[in-house]
Amino acid sequence: MSSLLNVKKMTHYFGGPRAVYNYNLNIKPHQITGLIGPNGAGKTTVFNLITGVYTPTEGTITLADENIKGLETNEIAAKGLGRTFQNLALWRHMTVLDHIKMAHYSQLSYGLIGALFNTRSCRDQESEIEENSYRLLELFDIKQHADQLVTSLSYGAQRRVEMARAMATKPKILFLDEPTAGMTPDELGQMIKIIQQVHKNFDVAIFLIEHRMKFVMELCQYIQTLVFGEVIAEGPPEEIQNNPQVIEAYLGKEDLT
């Protein structure tokens, strides 16, 4: 199977300190890959380098065989890379529905003239956006909150809004940065089911950072372990949870089994 996302020998320096070294990644279509590691290992930096927040000092990044290194974040998103963030990036004064509708607007084709004169194309596309937005709200179990401000929702529900917004861009691959951060056990179980539904119902690969190892082991088909910006182990979940280097890196943190 051909590679969807390919990263080769990615290295990055923040001035003097080296944040990531010789990082390689190969994600195939419809694959769920996890990136784990202790706090400060460089996991979010890897996400930021691939998604255009930073430009790597060295290395190559291709998405669907197209170079994306050095592109702006919005250009990379337009090429099919959706993302959520470790710290929620939602607009406080917008409703849940408006968040999802706003994410569709990069795909509109009717232009300024269409909007000014409310053309047939404009009306058709706006109707399609509304229908698709409600479908996403239903999938992520937040349809009942459509007209509420996001600030009125629980933390777990806000996480689901952010994921629904990312899926509205119709990504080829979805990056999830700590998708269960701050969630209760009930919300955690719900998030596992939602990610499984997204993976099953959409033609999308998933790359996620997560500190809850049981969550990663249950969802991911392939896992990388990052320590001080370097991958120390990678492979299927059963190999990672029994790897001595991984166990040592997490010693005193959390049982991997």
C-alpha atoms as a PDB file:
ATOM      1  CA  MET A   1       0.000   0.000   0.000  1.00  0.00           C
ATOM      2  CA  SER A   2       1.346   3.432  -0.914  1.00  0.00           C
ATOM      3  CA  SER A   3       2.264   6.008   1.718  1.00  0.00           C
ATOM      4  CA  LEU A   4      -0.162   8.831   2.519  1.00  0.00           C
ATOM      5  CA  LEU A   5       2.147  10.825   4.797  1.00  0.00           C
ATOM      6  CA  ASN A   6       5.900  10.384   4.618  1.00  0.00           C
ATOM      7  CA  VAL A   7       8.437  12.147   6.835  1.00  0.00           C
ATOM      8  CA  LYS A   8      12.154  11.477   6.346  1.00  0.00           C
ATOM      9  CA  LYS A   9      15.053  12.485   8.598  1.00  0.00           C
ATOM     10  CA  MET A  10      13.194  15.439  10.098  1.00  0.00           C
ATOM     11  CA  THR A  11      15.413  17.398  12.492  1.00  0.00           C
ATOM     12  CA  HIS A  12      14.737  20.730  14.147  1.00  0.00           C
ATOM     13  CA  TYR A  13      16.675  23.160  16.316  1.00  0.00           C
ATOM     14  CA  PHE A  14      15.201  25.990  18.392  1.00  0.00           C
ATOM     15  CA  GLY A  15      18.238  28.254  18.246  1.00  0.00           C
ATOM     16  CA  GLY A  16      20.822  26.083  19.974  1.00  0.00           C
ATOM     17  CA  PRO A  17      18.806  23.226  21.551  1.00  0.00           C
ATOM     18  CA  ARG A  18      17.824  20.292  19.331  1.00  0.00           C
ATOM     19  CA  ALA A  19      14.098  19.526  19.701  1.00  0.00           C
ATOM     20  CA  VAL A  20      13.658  16.668  17.195  1.00  0.00           C
ATOM     21  CA  TYR A  21      16.316  14.464  15.648  1.00  0.00           C
ATOM     22  CA  ASN A  22      16.203  12.232  12.561  1.00  0.00           C
ATOM     23  CA  TYR A  23      12.464  11.630  12.812  1.00  0.00           C
ATOM     24  CA  ASN A  24      10.869   9.292  10.251  1.00  0.00           C
ATOM     25  CA  LEU A  25       7.193   8.500   9.765  1.00  0.00           C
ATOM     26  CA  ASN A  26       5.243   6.529   7.180  1.00  0.00           C
ATOM     27  CA  ILE A  27       1.441   6.499   7.473  1.00  0.00           C
ATOM     28  CA  LYS A  28      -0.635   4.530   5.003  1.00  0.00           C
ATOM     29  CA  PRO A  29      -4.225   5.403   4.003  1.00  0.00           C
ATOM     30  CA  HIS A  30      -6.792   4.512   6.694  1.00  0.00           C
ATOM     31  CA  GLN A  31      -4.081   3.688   9.268  1.00  0.00           C
ATOM     32  CA  ILE A  32      -4.285   4.760  12.925  1.00  0.00           C
ATOM     33  CA  THR A  33      -0.841   5.630  14.289  1.00  0.00           C
ATOM     34  CA  GLY A  34      -0.012   6.758  17.812  1.00  0.00           C
ATOM     35  CA  LEU A  35       2.861   8.874  19.102  1.00  0.00           C
ATOM     36  CA  ILE A  36       3.642   8.421  22.792  1.00  0.00           C
ATOM     37  CA  GLY A  37       6.373   9.569  25.131  1.00  0.00           C
ATOM     38  CA  PRO A  38       7.003  11.266  28.483  1.00  0.00           C
ATOM     39  CA  ASN A  39       6.200  14.941  29.030  1.00  0.00           C
ATOM     40  CA  GLY A  40       8.679  17.116  27.155  1.00  0.00           C
ATOM     41  CA  ALA A  41       9.602  14.358  24.703  1.00  0.00           C
ATOM     42  CA  GLY A  42       8.802  16.559  21.683  1.00  0.00           C
ATOM     43  CA  LYS A  43       5.503  15.021  20.579  1.00  0.00           C
ATOM     44  CA  THR A  44       3.609  18.267  19.982  1.00  0.00           C
ATOM     45  CA  THR A  45       6.716  19.723  18.317  1.00  0.00           C
ATOM     46  CA  VAL A  46       6.575  16.850  15.801  1.00  0.00           C
ATOM     47  CA  PHE A  47       2.929  17.744  15.099  1.00  0.00           C
ATOM     48  CA  ASN A  48       3.803  21.426  14.739  1.00  0.00           C
ATOM     49  CA  LEU A  49       6.637  20.679  12.315  1.00  0.00           C
ATOM     50  CA  ILE A  50       4.485  18.508  10.065  1.00  0.00           C
ATOM     51  CA  THR A  51       1.467  20.844  10.122  1.00  0.00           C
ATOM     52  CA  GLY A  52       3.431  24.003   9.303  1.00  0.00           C
ATOM     53  CA  VAL A  53       3.514  25.802  12.639  1.00  0.00           C
ATOM     54  CA  TYR A  54       7.316  25.474  12.380  1.00  0.00           C
ATOM     55  CA  THR A  55       9.490  24.665   9.370  1.00  0.00           C
ATOM     56  CA  PRO A  56      11.942  21.807  10.044  1.00  0.00           C
ATOM     57  CA  THR A  57      15.642  22.626   9.983  1.00  0.00           C
ATOM     58  CA  GLU A  58      16.277  19.438   7.997  1.00  0.00           C
ATOM     59  CA  GLY A  59      14.311  16.626   6.368  1.00  0.00           C
ATOM     60  CA  THR A  60      11.403  16.138   3.978  1.00  0.00           C
ATOM     61  CA  ILE A  61       7.624  15.934   4.439  1.00  0.00           C
ATOM     62  CA  THR A  62       5.230  14.731   1.742  1.00  0.00           C
ATOM     63  CA  LEU A  63       1.451  14.330   1.831  1.00  0.00           C
ATOM     64  CA  ALA A  64       0.012  12.166  -0.949  1.00  0.00           C
ATOM     65  CA  ASP A  65       3.412  12.429  -2.703  1.00  0.00           C
ATOM     66  CA  GLU A  66       3.308  16.246  -2.616  1.00  0.00           C
ATOM     67  CA  ASN A  67       5.916  18.269  -0.727  1.00  0.00           C
ATOM     68  CA  ILE A  68       4.361  20.254   2.150  1.00  0.00           C
ATOM     69  CA  LYS A  69       7.515  21.305   4.000  1.00  0.00           C
ATOM     70  CA  GLY A  70       7.608  25.072   4.350  1.00  0.00           C
ATOM     71  CA  LEU A  71       3.963  25.641   3.446  1.00  0.00           C
ATOM     72  CA  GLU A  72       1.677  27.743   5.653  1.00  0.00           C
ATOM     73  CA  THR A  73      -0.682  25.902   8.012  1.00  0.00           C
ATOM     74  CA  ASN A  74      -3.762  26.877   5.979  1.00  0.00           C
ATOM     75  CA  GLU A  75      -2.126  25.613   2.769  1.00  0.00           C
ATOM     76  CA  ILE A  76      -1.321  22.285   4.410  1.00  0.00           C
ATOM     77  CA  ALA A  77      -4.891  22.029   5.726  1.00  0.00           C
ATOM     78  CA  ALA A  78      -6.243  22.684   2.223  1.00  0.00           C
ATOM     79  CA  LYS A  79      -4.165  19.768   0.935  1.00  0.00           C
ATOM     80  CA  GLY A  80      -5.905  17.377   3.326  1.00  0.00           C
ATOM     81  CA  LEU A  81      -4.352  17.550   6.796  1.00  0.00           C
ATOM     82  CA  GLY A  82      -6.854  18.299   9.588  1.00  0.00           C
ATOM     83  CA  ARG A  83      -5.801  18.895  13.167  1.00  0.00           C
ATOM     84  CA  THR A  84      -6.982  19.396  16.741  1.00  0.00           C
ATOM     85  CA  PHE A  85      -4.826  20.999  19.432  1.00  0.00           C
ATOM     86  CA  GLN A  86      -3.643  20.079  22.918  1.00  0.00           C
ATOM     87  CA  ASN A  87      -5.123  23.369  24.145  1.00  0.00           C
ATOM     88  CA  LEU A  88      -8.584  23.940  22.728  1.00  0.00           C
ATOM     89  CA  ALA A  89      -8.621  26.401  19.825  1.00  0.00           C
ATOM     90  CA  LEU A  90     -12.303  27.395  19.793  1.00  0.00           C
ATOM     91  CA  TRP A  91     -13.964  30.782  19.420  1.00  0.00           C
ATOM     92  CA  ARG A  92     -15.687  31.828  22.636  1.00  0.00           C
ATOM     93  CA  HIS A  93     -18.489  33.875  21.056  1.00  0.00           C
ATOM     94  CA  MET A  94     -19.580  31.411  18.347  1.00  0.00           C
ATOM     95  CA  THR A  95     -22.178  28.667  18.553  1.00  0.00           C
ATOM     96  CA  VAL A  96     -21.340  25.010  18.053  1.00  0.00           C
ATOM     97  CA  LEU A  97     -23.072  24.964  14.654  1.00  0.00           C
ATOM     98  CA  ASP A  98     -21.245  28.092  13.491  1.00  0.00           C
ATOM     99  CA  HIS A  99     -17.891  26.494  14.324  1.00  0.00           C
ATOM    100  CA  ILE A 100     -18.646  23.585  12.010  1.00  0.00           C
ATOM    101  CA  LYS A 101     -20.116  25.733   9.244  1.00  0.00           C
ATOM    102  CA  MET A 102     -17.123  28.084   9.327  1.00  0.00           C
ATOM    103  CA  ALA A 103     -14.766  25.170   8.673  1.00  0.00           C
ATOM    104  CA  HIS A 104     -16.496  24.500   5.329  1.00  0.00           C
ATOM    105  CA  TYR A 105     -15.920  27.942   3.879  1.00  0.00           C
ATOM    106  CA  SER A 106     -12.480  27.205   2.413  1.00  0.00           C
ATOM    107  CA  GLN A 107     -14.306  24.791   0.066  1.00  0.00           C
ATOM    108  CA  LEU A 108     -16.801  27.328  -1.316  1.00  0.00           C
ATOM    109  CA  SER A 109     -16.718  28.235  -4.990  1.00  0.00           C
ATOM    110  CA  TYR A 110     -19.503  30.820  -5.422  1.00  0.00           C
ATOM    111  CA  GLY A 111     -17.253  33.802  -4.593  1.00  0.00           C
ATOM    112  CA  LEU A 112     -18.036  37.366  -3.582  1.00  0.00           C
ATOM    113  CA  ILE A 113     -20.466  38.023  -6.442  1.00  0.00           C
ATOM    114  CA  GLY A 114     -22.445  34.904  -5.569  1.00  0.00           C
ATOM    115  CA  ALA A 115     -22.648  35.991  -1.951  1.00  0.00           C
ATOM    116  CA  LEU A 116     -23.709  39.570  -2.819  1.00  0.00           C
ATOM    117  CA  PHE A 117     -26.473  38.497  -5.190  1.00  0.00           C
ATOM    118  CA  ASN A 118     -27.436  35.296  -3.341  1.00  0.00           C
ATOM    119  CA  THR A 119     -27.118  33.213  -6.514  1.00  0.00           C
ATOM    120  CA  ARG A 120     -28.457  29.704  -6.995  1.00  0.00           C
ATOM    121  CA  SER A 121     -24.937  28.338  -6.513  1.00  0.00           C
ATOM    122  CA  CYS A 122     -24.617  30.273  -3.261  1.00  0.00           C
ATOM    123  CA  ARG A 123     -27.917  28.984  -1.900  1.00  0.00           C
ATOM    124  CA  ASP A 124     -27.165  25.377  -2.918  1.00  0.00           C
ATOM    125  CA  GLN A 125     -23.719  25.379  -1.340  1.00  0.00           C
ATOM    126  CA  GLU A 126     -24.925  27.028   1.875  1.00  0.00           C
ATOM    127  CA  SER A 127     -27.699  24.428   2.139  1.00  0.00           C
ATOM    128  CA  GLU A 128     -25.206  21.615   1.621  1.00  0.00           C
ATOM    129  CA  ILE A 129     -22.913  23.077   4.304  1.00  0.00           C
ATOM    130  CA  GLU A 130     -25.767  23.226   6.813  1.00  0.00           C
ATOM    131  CA  GLU A 131     -26.815  19.628   6.105  1.00  0.00           C
ATOM    132  CA  ASN A 132     -23.251  18.333   6.367  1.00  0.00           C
ATOM    133  CA  SER A 133     -22.660  20.325   9.567  1.00  0.00           C
ATOM    134  CA  TYR A 134     -25.673  18.724  11.239  1.00  0.00           C
ATOM    135  CA  ARG A 135     -24.489  15.269  10.124  1.00  0.00           C
ATOM    136  CA  LEU A 136     -21.151  15.901  11.818  1.00  0.00           C
ATOM    137  CA  LEU A 137     -22.827  17.221  14.964  1.00  0.00           C
ATOM    138  CA  GLU A 138     -24.885  14.035  15.132  1.00  0.00           C
ATOM    139  CA  LEU A 139     -21.846  11.805  14.579  1.00  0.00           C
ATOM    140  CA  PHE A 140     -19.944  13.513  17.397  1.00  0.00           C
ATOM    141  CA  ASP A 141     -23.022  13.494  19.675  1.00  0.00           C
ATOM    142  CA  ILE A 142     -23.230  17.295  19.974  1.00  0.00           C
ATOM    143  CA  LYS A 143     -26.283  18.003  17.801  1.00  0.00           C
ATOM    144  CA  GLN A 144     -28.296  18.901  20.895  1.00  0.00           C
ATOM    145  CA  HIS A 145     -25.807  21.733  21.530  1.00  0.00           C
ATOM    146  CA  ALA A 146     -25.980  23.215  17.996  1.00  0.00           C
ATOM    147  CA  ASP A 147     -27.261  26.652  19.058  1.00  0.00           C
ATOM    148  CA  GLN A 148     -25.224  26.951  22.258  1.00  0.00           C
ATOM    149  CA  LEU A 149     -21.991  28.874  22.695  1.00  0.00           C
ATOM    150  CA  VAL A 150     -19.041  26.499  23.012  1.00  0.00           C
ATOM    151  CA  THR A 151     -18.147  28.006  26.397  1.00  0.00           C
ATOM    152  CA  SER A 152     -21.367  26.546  27.854  1.00  0.00           C
ATOM    153  CA  LEU A 153     -20.310  22.965  27.033  1.00  0.00           C
ATOM    154  CA  SER A 154     -18.351  20.499  29.131  1.00  0.00           C
ATOM    155  CA  TYR A 155     -14.672  20.078  28.322  1.00  0.00           C
ATOM    156  CA  GLY A 156     -15.305  16.710  26.689  1.00  0.00           C
ATOM    157  CA  ALA A 157     -18.056  18.145  24.480  1.00  0.00           C
ATOM    158  CA  GLN A 158     -15.757  21.012  23.458  1.00  0.00           C
ATOM    159  CA  ARG A 159     -13.177  18.427  22.405  1.00  0.00           C
ATOM    160  CA  ARG A 160     -15.796  16.804  20.190  1.00  0.00           C
ATOM    161  CA  VAL A 161     -16.669  20.181  18.644  1.00  0.00           C
ATOM    162  CA  GLU A 162     -13.006  20.644  17.733  1.00  0.00           C
ATOM    163  CA  MET A 163     -12.875  17.187  16.132  1.00  0.00           C
ATOM    164  CA  ALA A 164     -16.105  17.788  14.190  1.00  0.00           C
ATOM    165  CA  ARG A 165     -14.683  21.079  12.933  1.00  0.00           C
ATOM    166  CA  ALA A 166     -11.512  19.320  11.762  1.00  0.00           C
ATOM    167  CA  MET A 167     -13.566  16.684   9.913  1.00  0.00           C
ATOM    168  CA  ALA A 168     -15.592  19.421   8.175  1.00  0.00           C
ATOM    169  CA  THR A 169     -12.470  20.230   6.142  1.00  0.00           C
ATOM    170  CA  LYS A 170     -12.650  16.689   4.664  1.00  0.00           C
ATOM    171  CA  PRO A 171      -9.094  15.715   5.571  1.00  0.00           C
ATOM    172  CA  LYS A 172      -7.141  12.782   4.163  1.00  0.00           C
ATOM    173  CA  ILE A 173      -5.403  12.482   7.529  1.00  0.00           C
ATOM    174  CA  LEU A 174      -6.519  13.740  10.941  1.00  0.00           C
ATOM    175  CA  PHE A 175      -4.001  14.778  13.634  1.00  0.00           C
ATOM    176  CA  LEU A 176      -5.346  14.527  17.189  1.00  0.00           C
ATOM    177  CA  ASP A 177      -3.217  16.161  19.903  1.00  0.00           C
ATOM    178  CA  GLU A 178      -4.192  14.707  23.301  1.00  0.00           C
ATOM    179  CA  PRO A 179      -7.864  14.099  22.334  1.00  0.00           C
ATOM    180  CA  THR A 180      -8.806  12.835  25.820  1.00  0.00           C
ATOM    181  CA  ALA A 181      -7.077  15.557  27.864  1.00  0.00           C
ATOM    182  CA  GLY A 182      -9.268  16.607  30.789  1.00  0.00           C
ATOM    183  CA  MET A 183     -11.941  13.993  30.119  1.00  0.00           C
ATOM    184  CA  THR A 184     -13.817  11.916  32.674  1.00  0.00           C
ATOM    185  CA  PRO A 185     -13.770   8.094  32.347  1.00  0.00           C
ATOM    186  CA  ASP A 186     -17.236   8.209  30.743  1.00  0.00           C
ATOM    187  CA  GLU A 187     -16.114  10.842  28.235  1.00  0.00           C
ATOM    188  CA  LEU A 188     -12.995   8.789  27.522  1.00  0.00           C
ATOM    189  CA  GLY A 189     -15.072   5.745  26.572  1.00  0.00           C
ATOM    190  CA  GLN A 190     -17.281   7.909  24.371  1.00  0.00           C
ATOM    191  CA  MET A 191     -14.245   9.399  22.612  1.00  0.00           C
ATOM    192  CA  ILE A 192     -12.885   5.923  21.799  1.00  0.00           C
ATOM    193  CA  LYS A 193     -16.192   5.042  20.139  1.00  0.00           C
ATOM    194  CA  ILE A 194     -16.281   8.334  18.208  1.00  0.00           C
ATOM    195  CA  ILE A 195     -12.753   7.919  16.847  1.00  0.00           C
ATOM    196  CA  GLN A 196     -13.593   4.345  15.839  1.00  0.00           C
ATOM    197  CA  GLN A 197     -16.709   5.642  14.039  1.00  0.00           C
ATOM    198  CA  VAL A 198     -14.731   8.342  12.240  1.00  0.00           C
ATOM    199  CA  HIS A 199     -12.149   5.783  11.171  1.00  0.00           C
ATOM    200  CA  LYS A 200     -14.840   3.395   9.958  1.00  0.00           C
ATOM    201  CA  ASN A 201     -17.151   5.865   8.210  1.00  0.00           C
ATOM    202  CA  PHE A 202     -14.663   8.277   6.625  1.00  0.00           C
ATOM    203  CA  ASP A 203     -11.773   7.559   4.294  1.00  0.00           C
ATOM    204  CA  VAL A 204      -9.283   9.097   6.711  1.00  0.00           C
ATOM    205  CA  ALA A 205      -6.033   8.102   8.391  1.00  0.00           C
ATOM    206  CA  ILE A 206      -5.449   9.190  12.003  1.00  0.00           C
ATOM    207  CA  PHE A 207      -2.246  10.237  13.779  1.00  0.00           C
ATOM    208  CA  LEU A 208      -2.663  10.884  17.488  1.00  0.00           C
ATOM    209  CA  ILE A 209      -0.717  11.953  20.542  1.00  0.00           C
ATOM    210  CA  GLU A 210      -2.100  10.605  23.787  1.00  0.00           C
ATOM    211  CA  HIS A 211      -0.822  10.136  27.337  1.00  0.00           C
ATOM    212  CA  ARG A 212      -3.389   7.482  28.344  1.00  0.00           C
ATOM    213  CA  MET A 213      -1.663   4.309  27.220  1.00  0.00           C
ATOM    214  CA  LYS A 214      -4.697   2.050  27.392  1.00  0.00           C
ATOM    215  CA  PHE A 215      -6.438   4.419  24.981  1.00  0.00           C
ATOM    216  CA  VAL A 216      -3.510   4.231  22.543  1.00  0.00           C
ATOM    217  CA  MET A 217      -3.185   0.465  22.809  1.00  0.00           C
ATOM    218  CA  GLU A 218      -6.883  -0.028  22.089  1.00  0.00           C
ATOM    219  CA  LEU A 219      -7.081   2.300  19.087  1.00  0.00           C
ATOM    220  CA  CYS A 220      -3.744   2.287  17.279  1.00  0.00           C
ATOM    221  CA  GLN A 221      -2.407  -0.173  14.732  1.00  0.00           C
ATOM    222  CA  TYR A 222       1.126   1.209  14.944  1.00  0.00           C
ATOM    223  CA  ILE A 223       2.866   3.190  17.702  1.00  0.00           C
ATOM    224  CA  GLN A 224       6.018   5.274  17.949  1.00  0.00           C
ATOM    225  CA  THR A 225       7.699   6.151  21.255  1.00  0.00           C
ATOM    226  CA  LEU A 226       9.528   9.477  21.398  1.00  0.00           C
ATOM    227  CA  VAL A 227      12.075  10.410  24.076  1.00  0.00           C
ATOM    228  CA  PHE A 228      14.078  13.656  23.947  1.00  0.00           C
ATOM    229  CA  GLY A 229      13.057  14.182  20.324  1.00  0.00           C
ATOM    230  CA  GLU A 230      14.160  10.752  19.098  1.00  0.00           C
ATOM    231  CA  VAL A 231      12.146   7.609  18.359  1.00  0.00           C
ATOM    232  CA  ILE A 232      13.392   4.858  20.665  1.00  0.00           C
ATOM    233  CA  ALA A 233      10.863   2.198  19.625  1.00  0.00           C
ATOM    234  CA  GLU A 234       8.085   1.657  17.092  1.00  0.00           C
ATOM    235  CA  GLY A 235       5.820  -1.172  16.051  1.00  0.00           C
ATOM    236  CA  PRO A 236       2.386  -2.717  16.745  1.00  0.00           C
ATOM    237  CA  PRO A 237       0.868  -2.233  20.234  1.00  0.00           C
ATOM    238  CA  GLU A 238       1.799  -5.689  21.536  1.00  0.00           C
ATOM    239  CA  GLU A 239       5.478  -5.021  20.804  1.00  0.00           C
ATOM    240  CA  ILE A 240       5.495  -1.535  22.293  1.00  0.00           C
ATOM    241  CA  GLN A 241       3.850  -2.461  25.587  1.00  0.00           C
ATOM    242  CA  ASN A 242       6.506  -5.156  26.162  1.00  0.00           C
ATOM    243  CA  ASN A 243       9.506  -3.145  24.947  1.00  0.00           C
ATOM    244  CA  PRO A 244      12.069  -2.676  27.776  1.00  0.00           C
ATOM    245  CA  GLN A 245      13.086   0.815  26.551  1.00  0.00           C
ATOM    246  CA  VAL A 246       9.471   1.964  26.509  1.00  0.00           C
ATOM    247  CA  ILE A 247       8.808   0.522  29.960  1.00  0.00           C
ATOM    248  CA  GLU A 248      11.902   2.305  31.283  1.00  0.00           C
ATOM    249  CA  ALA A 249      10.805   5.610  29.712  1.00  0.00           C
ATOM    250  CA  TYR A 250       7.439   5.305  31.477  1.00  0.00           C
ATOM    251  CA  LEU A 251       8.732   3.798  34.708  1.00  0.00           C
ATOM    252  CA  GLY A 252       6.625   5.138  37.547  1.00  0.00           C
ATOM    253  CA  LYS A 253       4.209   6.804  35.103  1.00  0.00           C
ATOM    254  CA  GLU A 254       1.538   4.376  33.960  1.00  0.00           C
ATOM    255  CA  ASP A 255       1.129   0.648  33.424  1.00  0.00           C
ATOM    256  CA  LEU A 256       1.278  -0.037  29.673  1.00  0.00           C
ATOM    257  CA  THR A 257      -0.673  -3.290  29.781  1.00  0.00           C
END
